[in-house]
Amino acid sequence: MGNVCRSPSDRIDPYGSCILRDQTKFIGQPPCLLIITECDPLRDEGLAYGKKLKVAGVRVETLFLKGTIHAFFHMPAFFKETCKTSYNKTVDFINSVRQQRSE
Protein backbone atom coordinates (compact mmCIF):
# COMPACT_ATOMS: atom_id res chain seq x y z
CA MET A 1 0.00 0.00 0.00
CA GLY A 2 2.94 2.33 0.50
CA ASN A 3 3.21 2.78 -3.25
CA VAL A 4 -0.35 4.03 -3.51
CA CYS A 5 -1.07 5.80 -0.24
CA ARG A 6 0.27 9.26 0.43
CA SER A 7 -0.42 8.99 4.15
CA PRO A 8 -1.66 6.38 6.66
CA SER A 9 -5.12 8.00 6.61
CA ASP A 10 -5.43 7.09 2.90
CA ARG A 11 -5.61 3.43 3.96
CA ILE A 12 -8.98 4.00 5.61
CA ASP A 13 -10.40 6.43 3.05
CA PRO A 14 -13.34 4.93 1.10
CA TYR A 15 -12.20 6.83 -2.00
CA GLY A 16 -8.87 5.03 -1.83
CA SER A 17 -10.31 1.59 -1.15
CA CYS A 18 -13.66 0.61 -2.63
CA ILE A 19 -14.13 -2.14 -0.07
CA LEU A 20 -14.55 0.50 2.64
CA ARG A 21 -17.46 2.22 0.91
CA ASP A 22 -20.99 2.06 2.24
CA GLN A 23 -22.94 -0.90 0.81
CA THR A 24 -25.45 1.41 -0.86
CA LYS A 25 -22.71 2.84 -3.10
CA PHE A 26 -22.54 -0.49 -4.95
CA ILE A 27 -26.18 -0.56 -6.02
CA GLY A 28 -26.56 -0.08 -9.77
CA GLN A 29 -22.93 -0.72 -10.63
CA PRO A 30 -22.24 -2.44 -13.96
CA PRO A 31 -21.42 -6.15 -14.20
CA CYS A 32 -18.02 -7.05 -12.82
CA LEU A 33 -15.42 -9.65 -13.71
CA LEU A 34 -12.94 -10.26 -10.91
CA ILE A 35 -9.72 -12.05 -11.79
CA ILE A 36 -8.19 -13.09 -8.49
CA THR A 37 -4.96 -14.96 -8.00
CA GLU A 38 -4.13 -17.32 -5.17
CA CYS A 39 -0.77 -15.71 -4.39
CA ASP A 40 -1.95 -12.10 -4.37
CA PRO A 41 -1.63 -9.92 -1.26
CA LEU A 42 -4.98 -8.38 -2.28
CA ARG A 43 -6.75 -11.73 -2.77
CA ASP A 44 -8.97 -11.56 0.31
CA GLU A 45 -9.94 -7.95 -0.37
CA GLY A 46 -10.87 -8.87 -3.94
CA LEU A 47 -13.09 -11.72 -2.77
CA ALA A 48 -14.71 -9.48 -0.15
CA TYR A 49 -15.30 -6.79 -2.78
CA GLY A 50 -17.04 -9.34 -4.98
CA LYS A 51 -19.31 -10.34 -2.09
CA LYS A 52 -20.23 -6.70 -1.44
CA LEU A 53 -21.11 -6.22 -5.08
CA LYS A 54 -23.24 -9.39 -5.13
CA VAL A 55 -25.13 -8.31 -2.01
CA ALA A 56 -25.89 -5.03 -3.80
CA GLY A 57 -27.35 -6.97 -6.73
CA VAL A 58 -24.43 -6.54 -9.11
CA ARG A 59 -23.69 -9.36 -11.51
CA VAL A 60 -20.26 -10.67 -10.52
CA GLU A 61 -18.19 -13.39 -12.12
CA THR A 62 -14.98 -14.46 -10.47
CA LEU A 63 -12.08 -16.26 -12.07
CA PHE A 64 -9.85 -17.63 -9.32
CA LEU A 65 -6.39 -18.65 -10.51
CA LYS A 66 -4.56 -21.12 -8.28
CA GLY A 67 -0.78 -20.96 -8.06
CA THR A 68 -0.66 -17.57 -9.75
CA ILE A 69 0.78 -14.25 -8.59
CA HIS A 70 -0.67 -10.73 -8.73
CA ALA A 71 1.43 -9.56 -11.68
CA PHE A 72 0.92 -12.60 -13.93
CA PHE A 73 -0.46 -10.46 -16.80
CA HIS A 74 2.97 -8.83 -17.06
CA MET A 75 4.63 -12.20 -17.60
CA PRO A 76 2.69 -13.92 -20.38
CA ALA A 77 5.68 -16.02 -21.44
CA PHE A 78 5.91 -17.55 -17.96
CA PHE A 79 2.14 -17.77 -17.29
CA LYS A 80 1.10 -18.65 -20.83
CA GLU A 81 -1.90 -20.86 -20.02
CA THR A 82 -3.05 -18.65 -17.16
CA CYS A 83 -2.95 -15.57 -19.39
CA LYS A 84 -4.80 -17.42 -22.14
CA THR A 85 -7.48 -18.51 -19.68
CA SER A 86 -7.81 -14.96 -18.35
CA TYR A 87 -7.96 -13.37 -21.80
CA ASN A 88 -10.61 -15.86 -22.94
CA LYS A 89 -12.67 -15.33 -19.78
CA THR A 90 -12.47 -11.55 -20.26
CA VAL A 91 -13.64 -11.78 -23.88
CA ASP A 92 -16.46 -14.14 -22.93
CA PHE A 93 -17.53 -11.84 -20.09
CA ILE A 94 -17.57 -8.72 -22.28
CA ASN A 95 -19.52 -10.54 -24.97
CA SER A 96 -22.07 -11.80 -22.45
CA VAL A 97 -22.56 -8.28 -21.06
CA ARG A 98 -23.02 -6.90 -24.58
CA GLN A 99 -25.53 -9.62 -25.42
CA GLN A 100 -27.44 -9.05 -22.18
CA ARG A 101 -27.69 -5.32 -22.87
CA SER A 102 -28.95 -5.86 -26.44
CA GLU A 103 -31.83 -8.08 -25.30
PDB file of N, CA and C in Angstrom:
ATOM      1  N   MET A   1       0.811  -1.196   0.000  1.00  0.00           N
ATOM      2  CA  MET A   1       0.000   0.000   0.000  1.00  0.00           C
ATOM      3  C   MET A   1       0.852   1.256   0.000  1.00  0.00           C
ATOM      4  N   GLY A   2       2.084   1.158   0.436  1.00  0.00           N
ATOM      5  CA  GLY A   2       2.945   2.328   0.500  1.00  0.00           C
ATOM      6  C   GLY A   2       3.163   2.984  -0.849  1.00  0.00           C
ATOM      7  N   ASN A   3       3.038   2.222  -1.916  1.00  0.00           N
ATOM      8  CA  ASN A   3       3.214   2.779  -3.252  1.00  0.00           C
ATOM      9  C   ASN A   3       2.005   3.587  -3.699  1.00  0.00           C
ATOM     10  N   VAL A   4       0.864   3.372  -3.075  1.00  0.00           N
ATOM     11  CA  VAL A   4      -0.351   4.028  -3.510  1.00  0.00           C
ATOM     12  C   VAL A   4      -0.862   5.068  -2.520  1.00  0.00           C
ATOM     13  N   CYS A   5      -0.562   4.898  -1.275  1.00  0.00           N
ATOM     14  CA  CYS A   5      -1.068   5.803  -0.242  1.00  0.00           C
ATOM     15  C   CYS A   5      -0.070   6.913   0.052  1.00  0.00           C
ATOM     16  N   ARG A   6      -0.585   8.128   0.098  1.00  0.00           N
ATOM     17  CA  ARG A   6       0.265   9.264   0.434  1.00  0.00           C
ATOM     18  C   ARG A   6       0.484   9.366   1.933  1.00  0.00           C
ATOM     19  N   SER A   7      -0.519   8.916   2.695  1.00  0.00           N
ATOM     20  CA  SER A   7      -0.423   8.989   4.150  1.00  0.00           C
ATOM     21  C   SER A   7      -1.188   7.807   4.749  1.00  0.00           C
ATOM     22  N   PRO A   8      -0.948   7.495   6.014  1.00  0.00           N
ATOM     23  CA  PRO A   8      -1.662   6.383   6.658  1.00  0.00           C
ATOM     24  C   PRO A   8      -3.185   6.547   6.619  1.00  0.00           C
ATOM     25  N   SER A   9      -3.666   7.791   6.638  1.00  0.00           N
ATOM     26  CA  SER A   9      -5.121   8.001   6.613  1.00  0.00           C
ATOM     27  C   SER A   9      -5.733   7.569   5.276  1.00  0.00           C
ATOM     28  N   ASP A  10      -4.928   7.545   4.204  1.00  0.00           N
ATOM     29  CA  ASP A  10      -5.432   7.089   2.904  1.00  0.00           C
ATOM     30  C   ASP A  10      -5.872   5.625   2.956  1.00  0.00           C
ATOM     31  N   ARG A  11      -5.289   4.860   3.867  1.00  0.00           N
ATOM     32  CA  ARG A  11      -5.612   3.433   3.959  1.00  0.00           C
ATOM     33  C   ARG A  11      -7.022   3.180   4.467  1.00  0.00           C
ATOM     34  N   ILE A  12      -7.617   4.165   5.103  1.00  0.00           N
ATOM     35  CA  ILE A  12      -8.983   4.005   5.613  1.00  0.00           C
ATOM     36  C   ILE A  12      -9.967   4.931   4.911  1.00  0.00           C
ATOM     37  N   ASP A  13      -9.546   5.524   3.824  1.00  0.00           N
ATOM     38  CA  ASP A  13     -10.397   6.435   3.050  1.00  0.00           C
ATOM     39  C   ASP A  13     -11.189   5.622   2.022  1.00  0.00           C
ATOM     40  N   PRO A  14     -12.526   5.679   2.058  1.00  0.00           N
ATOM     41  CA  PRO A  14     -13.338   4.928   1.104  1.00  0.00           C
ATOM     42  C   PRO A  14     -13.067   5.278  -0.355  1.00  0.00           C
ATOM     43  N   TYR A  15     -12.549   6.478  -0.621  1.00  0.00           N
ATOM     44  CA  TYR A  15     -12.200   6.833  -1.997  1.00  0.00           C
ATOM     45  C   TYR A  15     -10.921   6.147  -2.448  1.00  0.00           C
ATOM     46  N   GLY A  16     -10.119   5.730  -1.502  1.00  0.00           N
ATOM     47  CA  GLY A  16      -8.873   5.033  -1.829  1.00  0.00           C
ATOM     48  C   GLY A  16      -9.019   3.527  -1.841  1.00  0.00           C
ATOM     49  N   SER A  17     -10.065   3.026  -1.215  1.00  0.00           N
ATOM     50  CA  SER A  17     -10.307   1.590  -1.154  1.00  0.00           C
ATOM     51  C   SER A  17     -11.811   1.334  -1.253  1.00  0.00           C
ATOM     52  N   CYS A  18     -12.229   0.830  -2.378  1.00  0.00           N
ATOM     53  CA  CYS A  18     -13.661   0.611  -2.628  1.00  0.00           C
ATOM     54  C   CYS A  18     -14.313  -0.269  -1.573  1.00  0.00           C
ATOM     55  N   ILE A  19     -13.571  -1.203  -1.041  1.00  0.00           N
ATOM     56  CA  ILE A  19     -14.130  -2.144  -0.071  1.00  0.00           C
ATOM     57  C   ILE A  19     -14.645  -1.431   1.176  1.00  0.00           C
ATOM     58  N   LEU A  20     -14.146  -0.244   1.446  1.00  0.00           N
ATOM     59  CA  LEU A  20     -14.553   0.504   2.637  1.00  0.00           C
ATOM     60  C   LEU A  20     -15.810   1.346   2.422  1.00  0.00           C
ATOM     61  N   ARG A  21     -16.290   1.397   1.211  1.00  0.00           N
ATOM     62  CA  ARG A  21     -17.463   2.221   0.914  1.00  0.00           C
ATOM     63  C   ARG A  21     -18.730   1.613   1.489  1.00  0.00           C
ATOM     64  N   ASP A  22     -19.685   2.473   1.754  1.00  0.00           N
ATOM     65  CA  ASP A  22     -20.987   2.059   2.242  1.00  0.00           C
ATOM     66  C   ASP A  22     -21.633   1.133   1.207  1.00  0.00           C
ATOM     67  N   GLN A  23     -22.315   0.106   1.676  1.00  0.00           N
ATOM     68  CA  GLN A  23     -22.938  -0.896   0.806  1.00  0.00           C
ATOM     69  C   GLN A  23     -23.850  -0.277  -0.252  1.00  0.00           C
ATOM     70  N   THR A  24     -24.520   0.801   0.091  1.00  0.00           N
ATOM     71  CA  THR A  24     -25.453   1.415  -0.864  1.00  0.00           C
ATOM     72  C   THR A  24     -24.741   1.998  -2.083  1.00  0.00           C
ATOM     73  N   LYS A  25     -23.464   2.272  -1.973  1.00  0.00           N
ATOM     74  CA  LYS A  25     -22.709   2.841  -3.096  1.00  0.00           C
ATOM     75  C   LYS A  25     -22.509   1.833  -4.229  1.00  0.00           C
ATOM     76  N   PHE A  26     -22.755   0.550  -3.946  1.00  0.00           N
ATOM     77  CA  PHE A  26     -22.540  -0.485  -4.948  1.00  0.00           C
ATOM     78  C   PHE A  26     -23.789  -0.777  -5.774  1.00  0.00           C
ATOM     79  N   ILE A  27     -24.929  -0.304  -5.313  1.00  0.00           N
ATOM     80  CA  ILE A  27     -26.181  -0.556  -6.017  1.00  0.00           C
ATOM     81  C   ILE A  27     -26.133   0.126  -7.388  1.00  0.00           C
ATOM     82  N   GLY A  28     -26.507  -0.631  -8.421  1.00  0.00           N
ATOM     83  CA  GLY A  28     -26.561  -0.078  -9.770  1.00  0.00           C
ATOM     84  C   GLY A  28     -25.243  -0.067 -10.521  1.00  0.00           C
ATOM     85  N   GLN A  29     -24.216  -0.650  -9.936  1.00  0.00           N
ATOM     86  CA  GLN A  29     -22.929  -0.717 -10.628  1.00  0.00           C
ATOM     87  C   GLN A  29     -23.021  -1.696 -11.793  1.00  0.00           C
ATOM     88  N   PRO A  30     -22.194  -1.531 -12.809  1.00  0.00           N
ATOM     89  CA  PRO A  30     -22.237  -2.441 -13.963  1.00  0.00           C
ATOM     90  C   PRO A  30     -21.699  -3.821 -13.590  1.00  0.00           C
ATOM     91  N   PRO A  31     -21.952  -4.814 -14.445  1.00  0.00           N
ATOM     92  CA  PRO A  31     -21.422  -6.153 -14.196  1.00  0.00           C
ATOM     93  C   PRO A  31     -19.906  -6.107 -13.994  1.00  0.00           C
ATOM     94  N   CYS A  32     -19.430  -7.058 -13.212  1.00  0.00           N
ATOM     95  CA  CYS A  32     -18.021  -7.048 -12.816  1.00  0.00           C
ATOM     96  C   CYS A  32     -17.391  -8.424 -13.005  1.00  0.00           C
ATOM     97  N   LEU A  33     -16.232  -8.440 -13.629  1.00  0.00           N
ATOM     98  CA  LEU A  33     -15.422  -9.651 -13.707  1.00  0.00           C
ATOM     99  C   LEU A  33     -14.224  -9.442 -12.797  1.00  0.00           C
ATOM    100  N   LEU A  34     -14.088 -10.313 -11.808  1.00  0.00           N
ATOM    101  CA  LEU A  34     -12.938 -10.265 -10.915  1.00  0.00           C
ATOM    102  C   LEU A  34     -12.000 -11.393 -11.295  1.00  0.00           C
ATOM    103  N   ILE A  35     -10.754 -11.046 -11.551  1.00  0.00           N
ATOM    104  CA  ILE A  35      -9.724 -12.049 -11.787  1.00  0.00           C
ATOM    105  C   ILE A  35      -8.818 -12.000 -10.568  1.00  0.00           C
ATOM    106  N   ILE A  36      -8.884 -13.060  -9.779  1.00  0.00           N
ATOM    107  CA  ILE A  36      -8.189 -13.088  -8.494  1.00  0.00           C
ATOM    108  C   ILE A  36      -7.198 -14.240  -8.492  1.00  0.00           C
ATOM    109  N   THR A  37      -5.997 -13.935  -8.031  1.00  0.00           N
ATOM    110  CA  THR A  37      -4.956 -14.961  -7.995  1.00  0.00           C
ATOM    111  C   THR A  37      -4.716 -15.437  -6.567  1.00  0.00           C
ATOM    112  N   GLU A  38      -4.346 -16.693  -6.479  1.00  0.00           N
ATOM    113  CA  GLU A  38      -4.128 -17.319  -5.174  1.00  0.00           C
ATOM    114  C   GLU A  38      -3.010 -16.653  -4.382  1.00  0.00           C
ATOM    115  N   CYS A  39      -1.954 -16.267  -5.063  1.00  0.00           N
ATOM    116  CA  CYS A  39      -0.774 -15.708  -4.393  1.00  0.00           C
ATOM    117  C   CYS A  39      -0.721 -14.191  -4.529  1.00  0.00           C
ATOM    118  N   ASP A  40      -1.836 -13.551  -4.256  1.00  0.00           N
ATOM    119  CA  ASP A  40      -1.949 -12.097  -4.370  1.00  0.00           C
ATOM    120  C   ASP A  40      -2.183 -11.523  -2.987  1.00  0.00           C
ATOM    121  N   PRO A  41      -1.396 -10.523  -2.578  1.00  0.00           N
ATOM    122  CA  PRO A  41      -1.627  -9.925  -1.262  1.00  0.00           C
ATOM    123  C   PRO A  41      -3.001  -9.254  -1.148  1.00  0.00           C
ATOM    124  N   LEU A  42      -3.662  -9.000  -2.280  1.00  0.00           N
ATOM    125  CA  LEU A  42      -4.984  -8.379  -2.277  1.00  0.00           C
ATOM    126  C   LEU A  42      -6.111  -9.386  -2.519  1.00  0.00           C
ATOM    127  N   ARG A  43      -5.779 -10.672  -2.474  1.00  0.00           N
ATOM    128  CA  ARG A  43      -6.752 -11.728  -2.772  1.00  0.00           C
ATOM    129  C   ARG A  43      -8.007 -11.629  -1.898  1.00  0.00           C
ATOM    130  N   ASP A  44      -7.823 -11.574  -0.599  1.00  0.00           N
ATOM    131  CA  ASP A  44      -8.969 -11.563   0.312  1.00  0.00           C
ATOM    132  C   ASP A  44      -9.831 -10.319   0.126  1.00  0.00           C
ATOM    133  N   GLU A  45      -9.194  -9.183  -0.118  1.00  0.00           N
ATOM    134  CA  GLU A  45      -9.940  -7.954  -0.370  1.00  0.00           C
ATOM    135  C   GLU A  45     -10.745  -8.060  -1.662  1.00  0.00           C
ATOM    136  N   GLY A  46     -10.157  -8.688  -2.673  1.00  0.00           N
ATOM    137  CA  GLY A  46     -10.866  -8.873  -3.939  1.00  0.00           C
ATOM    138  C   GLY A  46     -12.093  -9.754  -3.779  1.00  0.00           C
ATOM    139  N   LEU A  47     -11.948 -10.836  -3.021  1.00  0.00           N
ATOM    140  CA  LEU A  47     -13.087 -11.719  -2.771  1.00  0.00           C
ATOM    141  C   LEU A  47     -14.167 -11.012  -1.962  1.00  0.00           C
ATOM    142  N   ALA A  48     -13.755 -10.236  -0.963  1.00  0.00           N
ATOM    143  CA  ALA A  48     -14.713  -9.483  -0.146  1.00  0.00           C
ATOM    144  C   ALA A  48     -15.433  -8.423  -0.985  1.00  0.00           C
ATOM    145  N   TYR A  49     -14.711  -7.785  -1.884  1.00  0.00           N
ATOM    146  CA  TYR A  49     -15.301  -6.789  -2.777  1.00  0.00           C
ATOM    147  C   TYR A  49     -16.371  -7.446  -3.649  1.00  0.00           C
ATOM    148  N   GLY A  50     -16.066  -8.613  -4.171  1.00  0.00           N
ATOM    149  CA  GLY A  50     -17.042  -9.341  -4.980  1.00  0.00           C
ATOM    150  C   GLY A  50     -18.301  -9.663  -4.192  1.00  0.00           C
ATOM    151  N   LYS A  51     -18.141 -10.051  -2.932  1.00  0.00           N
ATOM    152  CA  LYS A  51     -19.305 -10.342  -2.088  1.00  0.00           C
ATOM    153  C   LYS A  51     -20.149  -9.091  -1.869  1.00  0.00           C
ATOM    154  N   LYS A  52     -19.491  -7.958  -1.628  1.00  0.00           N
ATOM    155  CA  LYS A  52     -20.226  -6.702  -1.437  1.00  0.00           C
ATOM    156  C   LYS A  52     -21.020  -6.346  -2.691  1.00  0.00           C
ATOM    157  N   LEU A  53     -20.414  -6.517  -3.838  1.00  0.00           N
ATOM    158  CA  LEU A  53     -21.113  -6.220  -5.084  1.00  0.00           C
ATOM    159  C   LEU A  53     -22.321  -7.138  -5.263  1.00  0.00           C
ATOM    160  N   LYS A  54     -22.136  -8.427  -4.986  1.00  0.00           N
ATOM    161  CA  LYS A  54     -23.243  -9.385  -5.133  1.00  0.00           C
ATOM    162  C   LYS A  54     -24.398  -9.041  -4.208  1.00  0.00           C
ATOM    163  N   VAL A  55     -24.085  -8.693  -2.966  1.00  0.00           N
ATOM    164  CA  VAL A  55     -25.128  -8.311  -2.006  1.00  0.00           C
ATOM    165  C   VAL A  55     -25.910  -7.108  -2.523  1.00  0.00           C
ATOM    166  N   ALA A  56     -25.233  -6.228  -3.241  1.00  0.00           N
ATOM    167  CA  ALA A  56     -25.887  -5.030  -3.798  1.00  0.00           C
ATOM    168  C   ALA A  56     -26.638  -5.328  -5.093  1.00  0.00           C
ATOM    169  N   GLY A  57     -26.613  -6.592  -5.526  1.00  0.00           N
ATOM    170  CA  GLY A  57     -27.349  -6.967  -6.730  1.00  0.00           C
ATOM    171  C   GLY A  57     -26.567  -6.857  -8.020  1.00  0.00           C
ATOM    172  N   VAL A  58     -25.272  -6.658  -7.920  1.00  0.00           N
ATOM    173  CA  VAL A  58     -24.428  -6.544  -9.107  1.00  0.00           C
ATOM    174  C   VAL A  58     -24.075  -7.940  -9.615  1.00  0.00           C
ATOM    175  N   ARG A  59     -24.133  -8.104 -10.919  1.00  0.00           N
ATOM    176  CA  ARG A  59     -23.695  -9.364 -11.513  1.00  0.00           C
ATOM    177  C   ARG A  59     -22.179  -9.440 -11.392  1.00  0.00           C
ATOM    178  N   VAL A  60     -21.692 -10.489 -10.732  1.00  0.00           N
ATOM    179  CA  VAL A  60     -20.262 -10.668 -10.520  1.00  0.00           C
ATOM    180  C   VAL A  60     -19.859 -12.059 -10.974  1.00  0.00           C
ATOM    181  N   GLU A  61     -18.823 -12.118 -11.772  1.00  0.00           N
ATOM    182  CA  GLU A  61     -18.190 -13.391 -12.119  1.00  0.00           C
ATOM    183  C   GLU A  61     -16.767 -13.323 -11.615  1.00  0.00           C
ATOM    184  N   THR A  62     -16.324 -14.417 -11.034  1.00  0.00           N
ATOM    185  CA  THR A  62     -14.981 -14.465 -10.473  1.00  0.00           C
ATOM    186  C   THR A  62     -14.194 -15.592 -11.112  1.00  0.00           C
ATOM    187  N   LEU A  63     -13.023 -15.264 -11.588  1.00  0.00           N
ATOM    188  CA  LEU A  63     -12.078 -16.258 -12.075  1.00  0.00           C
ATOM    189  C   LEU A  63     -10.969 -16.325 -11.038  1.00  0.00           C
ATOM    190  N   PHE A  64     -10.870 -17.455 -10.345  1.00  0.00           N
ATOM    191  CA  PHE A  64      -9.845 -17.628  -9.318  1.00  0.00           C
ATOM    192  C   PHE A  64      -8.738 -18.499  -9.892  1.00  0.00           C
ATOM    193  N   LEU A  65      -7.525 -17.970  -9.892  1.00  0.00           N
ATOM    194  CA  LEU A  65      -6.393 -18.653 -10.509  1.00  0.00           C
ATOM    195  C   LEU A  65      -5.439 -19.186  -9.444  1.00  0.00           C
ATOM    196  N   LYS A  66      -5.438 -20.492  -9.275  1.00  0.00           N
ATOM    197  CA  LYS A  66      -4.559 -21.122  -8.283  1.00  0.00           C
ATOM    198  C   LYS A  66      -3.108 -21.077  -8.748  1.00  0.00           C
ATOM    199  N   GLY A  67      -2.212 -20.924  -7.779  1.00  0.00           N
ATOM    200  CA  GLY A  67      -0.779 -20.962  -8.060  1.00  0.00           C
ATOM    201  C   GLY A  67      -0.264 -19.799  -8.884  1.00  0.00           C
ATOM    202  N   THR A  68      -1.016 -18.719  -8.915  1.00  0.00           N
ATOM    203  CA  THR A  68      -0.656 -17.573  -9.749  1.00  0.00           C
ATOM    204  C   THR A  68      -0.432 -16.347  -8.870  1.00  0.00           C
ATOM    205  N   ILE A  69       0.445 -15.464  -9.331  1.00  0.00           N
ATOM    206  CA  ILE A  69       0.780 -14.249  -8.586  1.00  0.00           C
ATOM    207  C   ILE A  69       0.028 -13.040  -9.141  1.00  0.00           C
ATOM    208  N   HIS A  70       0.041 -11.972  -8.374  1.00  0.00           N
ATOM    209  CA  HIS A  70      -0.669 -10.733  -8.727  1.00  0.00           C
ATOM    210  C   HIS A  70      -0.297 -10.224 -10.125  1.00  0.00           C
ATOM    211  N   ALA A  71       0.952 -10.207 -10.453  1.00  0.00           N
ATOM    212  CA  ALA A  71       1.427  -9.561 -11.684  1.00  0.00           C
ATOM    213  C   ALA A  71       1.546 -10.521 -12.869  1.00  0.00           C
ATOM    214  N   PHE A  72       0.761 -11.596 -12.876  1.00  0.00           N
ATOM    215  CA  PHE A  72       0.918 -12.597 -13.931  1.00  0.00           C
ATOM    216  C   PHE A  72       0.678 -12.043 -15.330  1.00  0.00           C
ATOM    217  N   PHE A  73      -0.192 -11.042 -15.477  1.00  0.00           N
ATOM    218  CA  PHE A  73      -0.460 -10.459 -16.796  1.00  0.00           C
ATOM    219  C   PHE A  73       0.793  -9.839 -17.411  1.00  0.00           C
ATOM    220  N   HIS A  74       1.732  -9.439 -16.569  1.00  0.00           N
ATOM    221  CA  HIS A  74       2.968  -8.826 -17.064  1.00  0.00           C
ATOM    222  C   HIS A  74       4.016  -9.856 -17.469  1.00  0.00           C
ATOM    223  N   MET A  75       3.690 -11.133 -17.286  1.00  0.00           N
ATOM    224  CA  MET A  75       4.632 -12.202 -17.604  1.00  0.00           C
ATOM    225  C   MET A  75       3.964 -13.300 -18.440  1.00  0.00           C
ATOM    226  N   PRO A  76       3.421 -12.936 -19.594  1.00  0.00           N
ATOM    227  CA  PRO A  76       2.690 -13.923 -20.382  1.00  0.00           C
ATOM    228  C   PRO A  76       3.541 -15.100 -20.863  1.00  0.00           C
ATOM    229  N   ALA A  77       4.831 -14.903 -21.013  1.00  0.00           N
ATOM    230  CA  ALA A  77       5.684 -16.021 -21.440  1.00  0.00           C
ATOM    231  C   ALA A  77       5.792 -17.074 -20.339  1.00  0.00           C
ATOM    232  N   PHE A  78       5.787 -16.633 -19.101  1.00  0.00           N
ATOM    233  CA  PHE A  78       5.910 -17.549 -17.964  1.00  0.00           C
ATOM    234  C   PHE A  78       4.547 -18.143 -17.579  1.00  0.00           C
ATOM    235  N   PHE A  79       3.498 -17.344 -17.665  1.00  0.00           N
ATOM    236  CA  PHE A  79       2.141 -17.768 -17.291  1.00  0.00           C
ATOM    237  C   PHE A  79       1.266 -17.899 -18.536  1.00  0.00           C
ATOM    238  N   LYS A  80       1.778 -18.580 -19.536  1.00  0.00           N
ATOM    239  CA  LYS A  80       1.103 -18.650 -20.832  1.00  0.00           C
ATOM    240  C   LYS A  80      -0.341 -19.161 -20.734  1.00  0.00           C
ATOM    241  N   GLU A  81      -0.548 -20.295 -20.104  1.00  0.00           N
ATOM    242  CA  GLU A  81      -1.900 -20.858 -20.019  1.00  0.00           C
ATOM    243  C   GLU A  81      -2.816 -20.018 -19.138  1.00  0.00           C
ATOM    244  N   THR A  82      -2.263 -19.487 -18.062  1.00  0.00           N
ATOM    245  CA  THR A  82      -3.054 -18.648 -17.161  1.00  0.00           C
ATOM    246  C   THR A  82      -3.498 -17.380 -17.879  1.00  0.00           C
ATOM    247  N   CYS A  83      -2.593 -16.773 -18.627  1.00  0.00           N
ATOM    248  CA  CYS A  83      -2.949 -15.573 -19.390  1.00  0.00           C
ATOM    249  C   CYS A  83      -4.004 -15.901 -20.443  1.00  0.00           C
ATOM    250  N   LYS A  84      -3.829 -17.018 -21.118  1.00  0.00           N
ATOM    251  CA  LYS A  84      -4.797 -17.419 -22.144  1.00  0.00           C
ATOM    252  C   LYS A  84      -6.178 -17.622 -21.520  1.00  0.00           C
ATOM    253  N   THR A  85      -6.221 -18.303 -20.384  1.00  0.00           N
ATOM    254  CA  THR A  85      -7.484 -18.509 -19.677  1.00  0.00           C
ATOM    255  C   THR A  85      -8.118 -17.174 -19.294  1.00  0.00           C
ATOM    256  N   SER A  86      -7.309 -16.274 -18.783  1.00  0.00           N
ATOM    257  CA  SER A  86      -7.806 -14.958 -18.353  1.00  0.00           C
ATOM    258  C   SER A  86      -8.301 -14.131 -19.531  1.00  0.00           C
ATOM    259  N   TYR A  87      -7.543 -14.121 -20.614  1.00  0.00           N
ATOM    260  CA  TYR A  87      -7.955 -13.369 -21.803  1.00  0.00           C
ATOM    261  C   TYR A  87      -9.290 -13.910 -22.331  1.00  0.00           C
ATOM    262  N   ASN A  88      -9.382 -15.243 -22.431  1.00  0.00           N
ATOM    263  CA  ASN A  88     -10.610 -15.857 -22.940  1.00  0.00           C
ATOM    264  C   ASN A  88     -11.799 -15.554 -22.038  1.00  0.00           C
ATOM    265  N   LYS A  89     -11.599 -15.631 -20.732  1.00  0.00           N
ATOM    266  CA  LYS A  89     -12.673 -15.326 -19.781  1.00  0.00           C
ATOM    267  C   LYS A  89     -13.116 -13.869 -19.922  1.00  0.00           C
ATOM    268  N   THR A  90     -12.157 -12.974 -20.105  1.00  0.00           N
ATOM    269  CA  THR A  90     -12.467 -11.549 -20.257  1.00  0.00           C
ATOM    270  C   THR A  90     -13.295 -11.314 -21.520  1.00  0.00           C
ATOM    271  N   VAL A  91     -12.893 -11.915 -22.620  1.00  0.00           N
ATOM    272  CA  VAL A  91     -13.636 -11.777 -23.880  1.00  0.00           C
ATOM    273  C   VAL A  91     -15.044 -12.343 -23.726  1.00  0.00           C
ATOM    274  N   ASP A  92     -15.152 -13.533 -23.134  1.00  0.00           N
ATOM    275  CA  ASP A  92     -16.465 -14.140 -22.930  1.00  0.00           C
ATOM    276  C   ASP A  92     -17.353 -13.259 -22.051  1.00  0.00           C
ATOM    277  N   PHE A  93     -16.772 -12.692 -21.004  1.00  0.00           N
ATOM    278  CA  PHE A  93     -17.533 -11.843 -20.092  1.00  0.00           C
ATOM    279  C   PHE A  93     -18.037 -10.592 -20.812  1.00  0.00           C
ATOM    280  N   ILE A  94     -17.167  -9.933 -21.546  1.00  0.00           N
ATOM    281  CA  ILE A  94     -17.565  -8.724 -22.280  1.00  0.00           C
ATOM    282  C   ILE A  94     -18.663  -9.051 -23.286  1.00  0.00           C
ATOM    283  N   ASN A  95     -18.496 -10.150 -23.997  1.00  0.00           N
ATOM    284  CA  ASN A  95     -19.519 -10.538 -24.975  1.00  0.00           C
ATOM    285  C   ASN A  95     -20.854 -10.842 -24.306  1.00  0.00           C
ATOM    286  N   SER A  96     -20.819 -11.481 -23.144  1.00  0.00           N
ATOM    287  CA  SER A  96     -22.069 -11.800 -22.451  1.00  0.00           C
ATOM    288  C   SER A  96     -22.760 -10.531 -21.942  1.00  0.00           C
ATOM    289  N   VAL A  97     -21.980  -9.549 -21.508  1.00  0.00           N
ATOM    290  CA  VAL A  97     -22.562  -8.279 -21.061  1.00  0.00           C
ATOM    291  C   VAL A  97     -23.179  -7.555 -22.255  1.00  0.00           C
ATOM    292  N   ARG A  98     -22.479  -7.539 -23.368  1.00  0.00           N
ATOM    293  CA  ARG A  98     -23.023  -6.904 -24.583  1.00  0.00           C
ATOM    294  C   ARG A  98     -24.327  -7.562 -25.014  1.00  0.00           C
ATOM    295  N   GLN A  99     -24.336  -8.893 -24.994  1.00  0.00           N
ATOM    296  CA  GLN A  99     -25.529  -9.620 -25.416  1.00  0.00           C
ATOM    297  C   GLN A  99     -26.685  -9.338 -24.460  1.00  0.00           C
ATOM    298  N   GLN A 100     -26.405  -9.315 -23.170  1.00  0.00           N
ATOM    299  CA  GLN A 100     -27.436  -9.053 -22.180  1.00  0.00           C
ATOM    300  C   GLN A 100     -28.033  -7.659 -22.369  1.00  0.00           C
ATOM    301  N   ARG A 101     -27.209  -6.693 -22.710  1.00  0.00           N
ATOM    302  CA  ARG A 101     -27.691  -5.319 -22.875  1.00  0.00           C
ATOM    303  C   ARG A 101     -28.486  -5.138 -24.169  1.00  0.00           C
ATOM    304  N   SER A 102     -28.234  -5.985 -25.164  1.00  0.00           N
ATOM    305  CA  SER A 102     -28.953  -5.859 -26.440  1.00  0.00           C
ATOM    306  C   SER A 102     -30.303  -6.568 -26.422  1.00  0.00           C
ATOM    307  N   GLU A 103     -30.559  -7.348 -25.380  1.00  0.00           N
ATOM    308  CA  GLU A 103     -31.834  -8.077 -25.298  1.00  0.00           C
ATOM    309  C   GLU A 103     -32.953  -7.201 -24.813  1.00  0.00           C
TER     310      GLU A 103
END
